[in-house]
Amino acid sequence: MGGVKFVCLVPAELYVGDAIRLQFRIDDTRKTSLVRQAVVKFVSGGTVGANFTGTWFDKDLAFYLKA
């Protein structure tokens, strides 16, 4: 896993190559909040694809994905 795809619920000016900061919660028992840096790879309407940058791996996300 090295990226993310999401849909913007409100219009956003995002372009390929933009650096973005994503904050999201996973639905584990603690409702863990994660913050990641990413670079936009594609934009199609309201759908955006981005690759995480830097060190994106952590134990909370790894445990969640294993469950």
N, C-alpha and C. Protein backbone atom coordinates (compact mmCIF):
# COMPACT_ATOMS: atom_id res chain seq x y z
N MET A 1 0.85 -1.18 0.00
CA MET A 1 0.00 0.00 0.00
C MET A 1 0.89 1.23 0.00
N GLY A 2 0.71 2.08 -0.99
CA GLY A 2 1.51 3.27 -1.04
C GLY A 2 0.73 4.50 -1.45
N GLY A 3 -0.59 4.37 -1.48
CA GLY A 3 -1.36 5.51 -1.92
C GLY A 3 -2.80 5.45 -1.45
N VAL A 4 -3.57 6.39 -1.99
CA VAL A 4 -4.96 6.53 -1.57
C VAL A 4 -5.77 7.08 -2.74
N LYS A 5 -7.04 6.72 -2.77
CA LYS A 5 -7.99 7.27 -3.73
C LYS A 5 -9.17 7.77 -2.92
N PHE A 6 -9.63 8.98 -3.21
CA PHE A 6 -10.75 9.54 -2.46
C PHE A 6 -11.59 10.43 -3.34
N VAL A 7 -12.79 10.73 -2.88
CA VAL A 7 -13.71 11.61 -3.59
C VAL A 7 -13.88 12.87 -2.77
N CYS A 8 -13.69 14.02 -3.41
CA CYS A 8 -13.90 15.32 -2.74
C CYS A 8 -15.40 15.60 -2.72
N LEU A 9 -15.95 15.86 -1.55
CA LEU A 9 -17.37 16.16 -1.43
C LEU A 9 -17.68 17.60 -1.80
N VAL A 10 -16.67 18.45 -1.74
CA VAL A 10 -16.80 19.85 -2.17
C VAL A 10 -15.71 20.09 -3.21
N PRO A 11 -15.97 20.97 -4.18
CA PRO A 11 -14.96 21.23 -5.21
C PRO A 11 -13.63 21.68 -4.60
N ALA A 12 -12.55 21.13 -5.13
CA ALA A 12 -11.21 21.50 -4.66
C ALA A 12 -10.30 21.68 -5.87
N GLU A 13 -9.44 22.66 -5.82
CA GLU A 13 -8.48 22.87 -6.90
C GLU A 13 -7.24 22.04 -6.62
N LEU A 14 -7.24 20.84 -7.12
CA LEU A 14 -6.11 19.94 -6.97
C LEU A 14 -5.58 19.59 -8.35
N TYR A 15 -4.27 19.55 -8.48
CA TYR A 15 -3.63 19.26 -9.76
C TYR A 15 -2.55 18.21 -9.58
N VAL A 16 -2.30 17.45 -10.63
CA VAL A 16 -1.23 16.46 -10.60
C VAL A 16 0.06 17.13 -10.16
N GLY A 17 0.73 16.51 -9.20
CA GLY A 17 1.98 17.05 -8.67
C GLY A 17 1.82 17.86 -7.40
N ASP A 18 0.58 18.25 -7.05
CA ASP A 18 0.36 19.00 -5.81
C ASP A 18 0.72 18.16 -4.60
N ALA A 19 1.35 18.77 -3.62
CA ALA A 19 1.60 18.12 -2.33
C ALA A 19 0.39 18.40 -1.45
N ILE A 20 -0.14 17.35 -0.83
CA ILE A 20 -1.32 17.50 0.02
C ILE A 20 -1.09 16.83 1.37
N ARG A 21 -1.87 17.24 2.34
CA ARG A 21 -1.86 16.65 3.68
C ARG A 21 -3.23 16.03 3.89
N LEU A 22 -3.24 14.75 4.22
CA LEU A 22 -4.50 14.03 4.44
C LEU A 22 -4.63 13.68 5.91
N GLN A 23 -5.81 13.90 6.45
CA GLN A 23 -6.09 13.50 7.81
C GLN A 23 -7.37 12.67 7.77
N PHE A 24 -7.31 11.47 8.34
CA PHE A 24 -8.47 10.59 8.31
C PHE A 24 -8.46 9.70 9.54
N ARG A 25 -9.62 9.14 9.84
CA ARG A 25 -9.77 8.22 10.97
C ARG A 25 -10.05 6.83 10.42
N ILE A 26 -9.43 5.84 11.05
CA ILE A 26 -9.75 4.47 10.71
C ILE A 26 -10.79 3.98 11.71
N ASP A 27 -11.59 2.99 11.31
CA ASP A 27 -12.69 2.58 12.18
C ASP A 27 -12.29 1.43 13.12
N ASP A 28 -11.13 1.62 13.77
CA ASP A 28 -10.74 0.68 14.81
C ASP A 28 -11.45 1.09 16.11
N THR A 29 -11.23 0.35 17.17
CA THR A 29 -11.93 0.63 18.43
C THR A 29 -11.55 1.98 19.03
N ARG A 30 -10.34 2.47 18.72
CA ARG A 30 -9.89 3.77 19.25
C ARG A 30 -10.20 4.92 18.32
N LYS A 31 -10.74 4.63 17.13
CA LYS A 31 -11.00 5.67 16.12
C LYS A 31 -9.72 6.49 15.87
N THR A 32 -8.65 5.77 15.61
CA THR A 32 -7.32 6.35 15.45
C THR A 32 -7.30 7.37 14.31
N SER A 33 -6.75 8.54 14.59
CA SER A 33 -6.59 9.60 13.59
C SER A 33 -5.19 9.49 12.99
N LEU A 34 -5.12 9.48 11.67
CA LEU A 34 -3.85 9.40 10.96
C LEU A 34 -3.67 10.64 10.09
N VAL A 35 -2.44 11.10 9.98
CA VAL A 35 -2.11 12.23 9.13
C VAL A 35 -0.99 11.78 8.20
N ARG A 36 -1.16 11.99 6.90
CA ARG A 36 -0.17 11.57 5.90
C ARG A 36 0.05 12.67 4.88
N GLN A 37 1.27 12.75 4.39
CA GLN A 37 1.61 13.64 3.28
C GLN A 37 1.53 12.81 2.00
N ALA A 38 1.09 13.42 0.92
CA ALA A 38 0.97 12.70 -0.35
C ALA A 38 1.15 13.65 -1.51
N VAL A 39 1.35 13.08 -2.70
CA VAL A 39 1.45 13.85 -3.94
C VAL A 39 0.34 13.38 -4.87
N VAL A 40 -0.42 14.31 -5.42
CA VAL A 40 -1.52 13.99 -6.31
C VAL A 40 -0.99 13.37 -7.60
N LYS A 41 -1.55 12.22 -7.98
CA LYS A 41 -1.15 11.51 -9.21
C LYS A 41 -2.20 11.60 -10.30
N PHE A 42 -3.48 11.70 -9.93
CA PHE A 42 -4.52 11.91 -10.94
C PHE A 42 -5.72 12.60 -10.32
N VAL A 43 -6.43 13.34 -11.17
CA VAL A 43 -7.68 14.00 -10.77
C VAL A 43 -8.67 13.75 -11.90
N SER A 44 -9.83 13.22 -11.56
CA SER A 44 -10.88 12.96 -12.54
C SER A 44 -12.21 13.35 -11.91
N GLY A 45 -12.71 14.52 -12.30
CA GLY A 45 -13.91 15.04 -11.64
C GLY A 45 -13.59 15.28 -10.18
N GLY A 46 -14.36 14.68 -9.28
CA GLY A 46 -14.10 14.84 -7.85
C GLY A 46 -13.22 13.74 -7.27
N THR A 47 -12.81 12.78 -8.11
CA THR A 47 -11.99 11.67 -7.64
C THR A 47 -10.51 12.02 -7.75
N VAL A 48 -9.77 11.76 -6.67
CA VAL A 48 -8.35 12.10 -6.62
C VAL A 48 -7.56 10.85 -6.21
N GLY A 49 -6.44 10.62 -6.88
CA GLY A 49 -5.52 9.56 -6.50
C GLY A 49 -4.21 10.19 -6.10
N ALA A 50 -3.61 9.69 -5.04
CA ALA A 50 -2.36 10.27 -4.54
C ALA A 50 -1.46 9.18 -3.97
N ASN A 51 -0.16 9.40 -4.05
CA ASN A 51 0.82 8.49 -3.45
C ASN A 51 1.36 9.12 -2.18
N PHE A 52 1.44 8.31 -1.11
CA PHE A 52 2.02 8.79 0.13
C PHE A 52 3.50 9.09 -0.07
N THR A 53 4.00 10.09 0.64
CA THR A 53 5.41 10.44 0.58
C THR A 53 6.04 10.18 1.94
N GLY A 54 7.35 10.10 1.96
CA GLY A 54 8.06 9.91 3.22
C GLY A 54 7.72 8.58 3.85
N THR A 55 7.83 8.51 5.16
CA THR A 55 7.54 7.31 5.92
C THR A 55 6.06 7.31 6.27
N TRP A 56 5.29 6.52 5.58
CA TRP A 56 3.85 6.51 5.81
C TRP A 56 3.40 5.31 6.64
N PHE A 57 4.26 4.30 6.79
CA PHE A 57 3.88 3.09 7.50
C PHE A 57 3.90 3.32 9.00
N ASP A 58 2.90 2.82 9.70
CA ASP A 58 2.93 2.84 11.16
C ASP A 58 2.17 1.65 11.71
N LYS A 59 2.38 1.36 12.98
CA LYS A 59 1.80 0.16 13.59
C LYS A 59 0.29 0.21 13.66
N ASP A 60 -0.32 1.38 13.87
CA ASP A 60 -1.79 1.46 13.95
C ASP A 60 -2.41 1.05 12.62
N LEU A 61 -1.86 1.56 11.53
CA LEU A 61 -2.41 1.23 10.21
C LEU A 61 -2.13 -0.23 9.86
N ALA A 62 -0.96 -0.73 10.17
CA ALA A 62 -0.62 -2.12 9.87
C ALA A 62 -1.55 -3.06 10.63
N PHE A 63 -1.79 -2.79 11.91
CA PHE A 63 -2.67 -3.64 12.72
C PHE A 63 -4.09 -3.61 12.15
N TYR A 64 -4.56 -2.42 11.76
CA TYR A 64 -5.91 -2.27 11.22
C TYR A 64 -6.05 -3.07 9.92
N LEU A 65 -5.07 -3.00 9.04
CA LEU A 65 -5.15 -3.70 7.77
C LEU A 65 -5.08 -5.21 7.92
N LYS A 66 -4.43 -5.69 8.97
CA LYS A 66 -4.36 -7.13 9.24
C LYS A 66 -5.68 -7.69 9.76
N ALA A 67 -6.45 -6.85 10.45
CA ALA A 67 -7.69 -7.31 11.09
C ALA A 67 -8.74 -7.72 10.08
